PDB file of all heavy atoms in Angstrom:
ATOM      1  N   PHE A   1     133.360 -63.940  33.818  1.00  0.00           N
ATOM      2  CA  PHE A   1     133.491 -63.123  35.055  1.00  0.00           C
ATOM      3  C   PHE A   1     134.983 -62.965  35.405  1.00  0.00           C
ATOM      4  O   PHE A   1     135.362 -61.883  35.850  1.00  0.00           O
ATOM      5  CB  PHE A   1     132.732 -63.803  36.195  1.00  0.00           C
ATOM      6  CG  PHE A   1     132.783 -62.916  37.470  1.00  0.00           C
ATOM      7  CD1 PHE A   1     132.098 -61.753  37.518  1.00  0.00           C
ATOM      8  CD2 PHE A   1     133.589 -63.319  38.499  1.00  0.00           C
ATOM      9  CE1 PHE A   1     132.166 -60.947  38.637  1.00  0.00           C
ATOM     10  CE2 PHE A   1     133.656 -62.518  39.685  1.00  0.00           C
ATOM     11  CZ  PHE A   1     132.921 -61.362  39.706  1.00  0.00           C
ATOM     12  N   ALA A   2     135.830 -63.980  35.196  1.00  0.00           N
ATOM     13  CA  ALA A   2     137.208 -63.867  35.459  1.00  0.00           C
ATOM     14  C   ALA A   2     137.832 -62.782  34.573  1.00  0.00           C
ATOM     15  O   ALA A   2     138.691 -61.971  35.038  1.00  0.00           O
ATOM     16  CB  ALA A   2     137.935 -65.210  35.256  1.00  0.00           C
ATOM     17  N   ALA A   3     137.443 -62.738  33.319  1.00  0.00           N
ATOM     18  CA  ALA A   3     137.949 -61.677  32.419  1.00  0.00           C
ATOM     19  C   ALA A   3     137.457 -60.310  32.846  1.00  0.00           C
ATOM     20  O   ALA A   3     138.220 -59.354  32.801  1.00  0.00           O
ATOM     21  CB  ALA A   3     137.501 -61.996  30.982  1.00  0.00           C
ATOM     22  N   LEU A   4     136.206 -60.238  33.282  1.00  0.00           N
ATOM     23  CA  LEU A   4     135.653 -58.961  33.777  1.00  0.00           C
ATOM     24  C   LEU A   4     136.434 -58.487  34.977  1.00  0.00           C
ATOM     25  O   LEU A   4     136.783 -57.331  35.051  1.00  0.00           O
ATOM     26  CB  LEU A   4     134.176 -59.154  34.134  1.00  0.00           C
ATOM     27  CG  LEU A   4     133.482 -57.928  34.778  1.00  0.00           C
ATOM     28  CD1 LEU A   4     133.331 -56.854  33.765  1.00  0.00           C
ATOM     29  CD2 LEU A   4     132.142 -58.382  35.372  1.00  0.00           C
ATOM     30  N   ARG A   5     136.685 -59.386  35.923  1.00  0.00           N
ATOM     31  CA  ARG A   5     137.434 -59.035  37.138  1.00  0.00           C
ATOM     32  C   ARG A   5     138.880 -58.614  36.788  1.00  0.00           C
ATOM     33  O   ARG A   5     139.377 -57.625  37.320  1.00  0.00           O
ATOM     34  CB  ARG A   5     137.468 -60.237  38.082  1.00  0.00           C
ATOM     35  CG  ARG A   5     138.161 -59.862  39.411  1.00  0.00           C
ATOM     36  CD  ARG A   5     138.065 -60.968  40.435  1.00  0.00           C
ATOM     37  NE  ARG A   5     136.756 -61.104  41.023  1.00  0.00           N
ATOM     38  CZ  ARG A   5     136.299 -60.375  42.030  1.00  0.00           C
ATOM     39  NH1 ARG A   5     137.012 -59.436  42.499  1.00  0.00           N
ATOM     40  NH2 ARG A   5     135.109 -60.574  42.499  1.00  0.00           N
ATOM     41  N   GLU A   6     139.496 -59.318  35.869  1.00  0.00           N
ATOM     42  CA  GLU A   6     140.894 -58.959  35.485  1.00  0.00           C
ATOM     43  C   GLU A   6     140.913 -57.540  34.857  1.00  0.00           C
ATOM     44  O   GLU A   6     141.780 -56.724  35.192  1.00  0.00           O
ATOM     45  CB  GLU A   6     141.419 -59.985  34.492  1.00  0.00           C
ATOM     46  CG  GLU A   6     142.836 -59.719  34.057  1.00  0.00           C
ATOM     47  CD  GLU A   6     143.312 -60.795  33.085  1.00  0.00           C
ATOM     48  OE1 GLU A   6     142.925 -61.940  33.240  1.00  0.00           O
ATOM     49  OE2 GLU A   6     144.050 -60.448  32.164  1.00  0.00           O
ATOM     50  N   GLY A   7     140.000 -57.278  33.954  1.00  0.00           N
ATOM     51  CA  GLY A   7     139.971 -55.969  33.322  1.00  0.00           C
ATOM     52  C   GLY A   7     139.627 -54.869  34.313  1.00  0.00           C
ATOM     53  O   GLY A   7     140.228 -53.768  34.294  1.00  0.00           O
ATOM     54  N   SER A   8     138.703 -55.128  35.249  1.00  0.00           N
ATOM     55  CA  SER A   8     138.321 -54.146  36.283  1.00  0.00           C
ATOM     56  C   SER A   8     139.493 -53.865  37.158  1.00  0.00           C
ATOM     57  O   SER A   8     139.741 -52.674  37.557  1.00  0.00           O
ATOM     58  CB  SER A   8     137.137 -54.688  37.068  1.00  0.00           C
ATOM     59  OG  SER A   8     136.052 -54.866  36.241  1.00  0.00           O
ATOM     60  N   GLU A   9     140.231 -54.847  37.598  1.00  0.00           N
ATOM     61  CA  GLU A   9     141.379 -54.621  38.493  1.00  0.00           C
ATOM     62  C   GLU A   9     142.432 -53.852  37.755  1.00  0.00           C
ATOM     63  O   GLU A   9     143.133 -53.032  38.409  1.00  0.00           O
ATOM     64  CB  GLU A   9     141.881 -55.964  39.003  1.00  0.00           C
ATOM     65  CG  GLU A   9     140.922 -56.618  39.998  1.00  0.00           C
ATOM     66  CD  GLU A   9     141.355 -58.026  40.440  1.00  0.00           C
ATOM     67  OE1 GLU A   9     142.375 -58.560  39.974  1.00  0.00           O
ATOM     68  OE2 GLU A   9     140.567 -58.632  41.203  1.00  0.00           O
ATOM     69  N   ALA A  10     142.610 -54.069  36.463  1.00  0.00           N
ATOM     70  CA  ALA A  10     143.579 -53.314  35.710  1.00  0.00           C
ATOM     71  C   ALA A  10     143.191 -51.814  35.670  1.00  0.00           C
ATOM     72  O   ALA A  10     144.020 -50.917  35.799  1.00  0.00           O
ATOM     73  CB  ALA A  10     143.735 -53.855  34.288  1.00  0.00           C
ATOM     74  N   ILE A  11     141.874 -51.553  35.543  1.00  0.00           N
ATOM     75  CA  ILE A  11     141.407 -50.172  35.523  1.00  0.00           C
ATOM     76  C   ILE A  11     141.618 -49.524  36.895  1.00  0.00           C
ATOM     77  O   ILE A  11     142.115 -48.396  36.970  1.00  0.00           O
ATOM     78  CB  ILE A  11     139.925 -50.131  35.125  1.00  0.00           C
ATOM     79  CG1 ILE A  11     139.773 -50.528  33.674  1.00  0.00           C
ATOM     80  CG2 ILE A  11     139.367 -48.716  35.375  1.00  0.00           C
ATOM     81  CD1 ILE A  11     138.320 -50.806  33.226  1.00  0.00           C
ATOM     82  N   VAL A  12     141.323 -50.276  37.959  1.00  0.00           N
ATOM     83  CA  VAL A  12     141.555 -49.736  39.300  1.00  0.00           C
ATOM     84  C   VAL A  12     143.011 -49.395  39.539  1.00  0.00           C
ATOM     85  O   VAL A  12     143.348 -48.361  40.035  1.00  0.00           O
ATOM     86  CB  VAL A  12     141.016 -50.700  40.379  1.00  0.00           C
ATOM     87  CG1 VAL A  12     141.481 -50.297  41.768  1.00  0.00           C
ATOM     88  CG2 VAL A  12     139.461 -50.759  40.338  1.00  0.00           C
ATOM     89  N   ASP A  13     143.885 -50.326  39.114  1.00  0.00           N
ATOM     90  CA  ASP A  13     145.320 -50.079  39.263  1.00  0.00           C
ATOM     91  C   ASP A  13     145.775 -48.830  38.492  1.00  0.00           C
ATOM     92  O   ASP A  13     146.575 -48.050  38.936  1.00  0.00           O
ATOM     93  CB  ASP A  13     146.114 -51.307  38.832  1.00  0.00           C
ATOM     94  CG  ASP A  13     145.975 -52.460  39.737  1.00  0.00           C
ATOM     95  OD1 ASP A  13     145.507 -52.315  40.915  1.00  0.00           O
ATOM     96  OD2 ASP A  13     146.292 -53.600  39.326  1.00  0.00           O
ATOM     97  N   GLU A  14     145.255 -48.673  37.291  1.00  0.00           N
ATOM     98  CA  GLU A  14     145.604 -47.509  36.451  1.00  0.00           C
ATOM     99  C   GLU A  14     145.118 -46.238  37.092  1.00  0.00           C
ATOM    100  O   GLU A  14     145.835 -45.241  37.131  1.00  0.00           O
ATOM    101  CB  GLU A  14     145.007 -47.695  35.037  1.00  0.00           C
ATOM    102  CG  GLU A  14     145.354 -46.629  34.108  1.00  0.00           C
ATOM    103  CD  GLU A  14     146.738 -46.818  33.475  1.00  0.00           C
ATOM    104  OE1 GLU A  14     147.288 -47.893  33.562  1.00  0.00           O
ATOM    105  OE2 GLU A  14     147.202 -45.822  32.856  1.00  0.00           O
ATOM    106  N   VAL A  15     143.899 -46.246  37.641  1.00  0.00           N
ATOM    107  CA  VAL A  15     143.348 -45.040  38.314  1.00  0.00           C
ATOM    108  C   VAL A  15     144.226 -44.700  39.527  1.00  0.00           C
ATOM    109  O   VAL A  15     144.609 -43.557  39.743  1.00  0.00           O
ATOM    110  CB  VAL A  15     141.903 -45.249  38.763  1.00  0.00           C
ATOM    111  CG1 VAL A  15     141.448 -44.123  39.669  1.00  0.00           C
ATOM    112  CG2 VAL A  15     140.987 -45.358  37.541  1.00  0.00           C
ATOM    113  N   LYS A  16     144.590 -45.740  40.285  1.00  0.00           N
ATOM    114  CA  LYS A  16     145.478 -45.467  41.455  1.00  0.00           C
ATOM    115  C   LYS A  16     146.780 -44.858  41.068  1.00  0.00           C
ATOM    116  O   LYS A  16     147.326 -44.002  41.781  1.00  0.00           O
ATOM    117  CB  LYS A  16     145.736 -46.791  42.191  1.00  0.00           C
ATOM    118  CG  LYS A  16     144.536 -47.282  42.979  1.00  0.00           C
ATOM    119  CD  LYS A  16     144.833 -48.584  43.701  1.00  0.00           C
ATOM    120  CE  LYS A  16     143.652 -49.009  44.535  1.00  0.00           C
ATOM    121  NZ  LYS A  16     143.934 -50.151  45.318  1.00  0.00           N
ATOM    122  N   ALA A  17     147.314 -45.237  39.914  1.00  0.00           N
ATOM    123  CA  ALA A  17     148.587 -44.694  39.472  1.00  0.00           C
ATOM    124  C   ALA A  17     148.461 -43.271  38.979  1.00  0.00           C
ATOM    125  O   ALA A  17     149.415 -42.478  39.081  1.00  0.00           O
ATOM    126  CB  ALA A  17     149.199 -45.573  38.352  1.00  0.00           C
ATOM    127  N   LYS A  18     147.281 -42.899  38.416  1.00  0.00           N
ATOM    128  CA  LYS A  18     147.162 -41.610  37.754  1.00  0.00           C
ATOM    129  C   LYS A  18     146.392 -40.498  38.550  1.00  0.00           C
ATOM    130  O   LYS A  18     146.468 -39.380  38.200  1.00  0.00           O
ATOM    131  CB  LYS A  18     146.426 -41.791  36.423  1.00  0.00           C
ATOM    132  CG  LYS A  18     147.120 -42.779  35.514  1.00  0.00           C
ATOM    133  CD  LYS A  18     147.636 -42.076  34.314  1.00  0.00           C
ATOM    134  CE  LYS A  18     148.287 -43.150  33.418  1.00  0.00           C
ATOM    135  NZ  LYS A  18     149.205 -42.634  32.549  1.00  0.00           N
ATOM    136  N   VAL A  19     145.643 -40.951  39.567  1.00  0.00           N
ATOM    137  CA  VAL A  19     144.817 -39.997  40.311  1.00  0.00           C
ATOM    138  C   VAL A  19     145.647 -38.990  41.036  1.00  0.00           C
ATOM    139  O   VAL A  19     146.782 -39.266  41.448  1.00  0.00           O
ATOM    140  CB  VAL A  19     143.823 -40.736  41.226  1.00  0.00           C
ATOM    141  CG1 VAL A  19     144.528 -41.302  42.453  1.00  0.00           C
ATOM    142  CG2 VAL A  19     142.695 -39.889  41.669  1.00  0.00           C
ATOM    143  N   ALA A  20     145.122 -37.791  41.245  1.00  0.00           N
ATOM    144  CA  ALA A  20     145.826 -36.749  41.988  1.00  0.00           C
ATOM    145  C   ALA A  20     146.084 -37.253  43.400  1.00  0.00           C
ATOM    146  O   ALA A  20     145.294 -37.910  43.998  1.00  0.00           O
ATOM    147  CB  ALA A  20     144.957 -35.453  42.042  1.00  0.00           C
ATOM    148  N   ARG A  21     147.268 -36.906  43.908  1.00  0.00           N
ATOM    149  CA  ARG A  21     147.694 -37.457  45.204  1.00  0.00           C
ATOM    150  C   ARG A  21     148.018 -36.359  46.232  1.00  0.00           C
ATOM    151  O   ARG A  21     149.110 -36.287  46.731  1.00  0.00           O
ATOM    152  CB  ARG A  21     148.950 -38.308  45.014  1.00  0.00           C
ATOM    153  CG  ARG A  21     148.669 -39.553  44.314  1.00  0.00           C
ATOM    154  CD  ARG A  21     149.790 -40.534  44.547  1.00  0.00           C
ATOM    155  NE  ARG A  21     149.487 -41.820  44.029  1.00  0.00           N
ATOM    156  CZ  ARG A  21     149.011 -42.840  44.674  1.00  0.00           C
ATOM    157  NH1 ARG A  21     148.823 -42.714  45.990  1.00  0.00           N
ATOM    158  NH2 ARG A  21     148.742 -44.003  44.081  1.00  0.00           N
ATOM    159  N   ASP A  22     147.012 -35.592  46.590  1.00  0.00           N
ATOM    160  CA  ASP A  22     147.250 -34.607  47.655  1.00  0.00           C
ATOM    161  C   ASP A  22     147.402 -35.358  49.020  1.00  0.00           C
ATOM    162  O   ASP A  22     148.351 -35.168  49.707  1.00  0.00           O
ATOM    163  CB  ASP A  22     146.074 -33.607  47.722  1.00  0.00           C
ATOM    164  CG  ASP A  22     146.041 -32.698  46.532  1.00  0.00           C
ATOM    165  OD1 ASP A  22     147.089 -32.524  45.871  1.00  0.00           O
ATOM    166  OD2 ASP A  22     144.972 -32.181  46.227  1.00  0.00           O
ATOM    167  N   THR A  23     146.391 -36.155  49.322  1.00  0.00           N
ATOM    168  CA  THR A  23     146.460 -36.917  50.554  1.00  0.00           C
ATOM    169  C   THR A  23     146.609 -38.433  50.304  1.00  0.00           C
ATOM    170  O   THR A  23     146.907 -39.177  51.240  1.00  0.00           O
ATOM    171  CB  THR A  23     145.163 -36.723  51.386  1.00  0.00           C
ATOM    172  OG1 THR A  23     144.057 -37.250  50.673  1.00  0.00           O
ATOM    173  CG2 THR A  23     144.928 -35.252  51.695  1.00  0.00           C
ATOM    174  N   GLY A  24     146.346 -38.855  49.125  1.00  0.00           N
ATOM    175  CA  GLY A  24     146.371 -40.299  48.759  1.00  0.00           C
ATOM    176  C   GLY A  24     145.065 -41.003  48.997  1.00  0.00           C
ATOM    177  O   GLY A  24     144.934 -42.170  48.704  1.00  0.00           O
ATOM    178  N   ASN A  25     144.074 -40.257  49.493  1.00  0.00           N
ATOM    179  CA  ASN A  25     142.762 -40.897  49.812  1.00  0.00           C
ATOM    180  C   ASN A  25     142.077 -41.397  48.553  1.00  0.00           C
ATOM    181  O   ASN A  25     141.512 -42.484  48.564  1.00  0.00           O
ATOM    182  CB  ASN A  25     141.879 -39.885  50.532  1.00  0.00           C
ATOM    183  CG  ASN A  25     140.560 -40.547  50.951  1.00  0.00           C
ATOM    184  OD1 ASN A  25     140.568 -41.524  51.670  1.00  0.00           O
ATOM    185  ND2 ASN A  25     139.481 -39.944  50.535  1.00  0.00           N
ATOM    186  N   LEU A  26     142.089 -40.616  47.481  1.00  0.00           N
ATOM    187  CA  LEU A  26     141.396 -41.078  46.249  1.00  0.00           C
ATOM    188  C   LEU A  26     142.041 -42.334  45.702  1.00  0.00           C
ATOM    189  O   LEU A  26     141.399 -43.259  45.248  1.00  0.00           O
ATOM    190  CB  LEU A  26     141.394 -39.998  45.210  1.00  0.00           C
ATOM    191  CG  LEU A  26     140.463 -38.821  45.489  1.00  0.00           C
ATOM    192  CD1 LEU A  26     140.526 -37.844  44.317  1.00  0.00           C
ATOM    193  CD2 LEU A  26     139.024 -39.289  45.693  1.00  0.00           C
ATOM    194  N   ALA A  27     143.351 -42.438  45.723  1.00  0.00           N
ATOM    195  CA  ALA A  27     144.067 -43.615  45.266  1.00  0.00           C
ATOM    196  C   ALA A  27     143.709 -44.830  46.091  1.00  0.00           C
ATOM    197  O   ALA A  27     143.559 -45.921  45.540  1.00  0.00           O
ATOM    198  CB  ALA A  27     145.539 -43.425  45.231  1.00  0.00           C
ATOM    199  N   GLU A  28     143.567 -44.634  47.353  1.00  0.00           N
ATOM    200  CA  GLU A  28     143.275 -45.767  48.255  1.00  0.00           C
ATOM    201  C   GLU A  28     141.820 -46.205  48.213  1.00  0.00           C
ATOM    202  O   GLU A  28     141.531 -47.363  48.480  1.00  0.00           O
ATOM    203  CB  GLU A  28     143.699 -45.449  49.668  1.00  0.00           C
ATOM    204  CG  GLU A  28     145.181 -45.262  49.870  1.00  0.00           C
ATOM    205  CD  GLU A  28     145.967 -46.480  49.449  1.00  0.00           C
ATOM    206  OE1 GLU A  28     145.559 -47.627  49.785  1.00  0.00           O
ATOM    207  OE2 GLU A  28     146.979 -46.296  48.729  1.00  0.00           O
ATOM    208  N   SER A  29     140.953 -45.294  47.874  1.00  0.00           N
ATOM    209  CA  SER A  29     139.524 -45.625  48.004  1.00  0.00           C
ATOM    210  C   SER A  29     138.813 -46.016  46.689  1.00  0.00           C
ATOM    211  O   SER A  29     137.639 -46.360  46.698  1.00  0.00           O
ATOM    212  CB  SER A  29     138.769 -44.505  48.685  1.00  0.00           C
ATOM    213  OG  SER A  29     138.855 -43.324  47.924  1.00  0.00           O
ATOM    214  N   VAL A  30     139.493 -45.885  45.543  1.00  0.00           N
ATOM    215  CA  VAL A  30     138.865 -46.289  44.315  1.00  0.00           C
ATOM    216  C   VAL A  30     138.681 -47.862  44.360  1.00  0.00           C
ATOM    217  O   VAL A  30     139.573 -48.553  44.750  1.00  0.00           O
ATOM    218  CB  VAL A  30     139.644 -45.870  43.046  1.00  0.00           C
ATOM    219  CG1 VAL A  30     141.013 -46.504  42.965  1.00  0.00           C
ATOM    220  CG2 VAL A  30     138.839 -46.086  41.829  1.00  0.00           C
ATOM    221  N   LYS A  31     137.490 -48.282  43.982  1.00  0.00           N
ATOM    222  CA  LYS A  31     137.182 -49.748  44.041  1.00  0.00           C
ATOM    223  C   LYS A  31     136.338 -50.160  42.883  1.00  0.00           C
ATOM    224  O   LYS A  31     135.616 -49.366  42.300  1.00  0.00           O
ATOM    225  CB  LYS A  31     136.459 -50.013  45.378  1.00  0.00           C
ATOM    226  CG  LYS A  31     137.293 -49.846  46.572  1.00  0.00           C
ATOM    227  CD  LYS A  31     136.473 -50.182  47.832  1.00  0.00           C
ATOM    228  CE  LYS A  31     137.246 -50.064  49.081  1.00  0.00           C
ATOM    229  NZ  LYS A  31     137.994 -48.859  49.317  1.00  0.00           N
TER     230      LYS A  31
END
């Protein structure tokens, strides 16, 4: 589960960095 959480958080961070940023809402709300 720790490995799953670590990988998932890395994916969330990557999405936040790459998602379109018109308002920033998508970057803030991906979970």
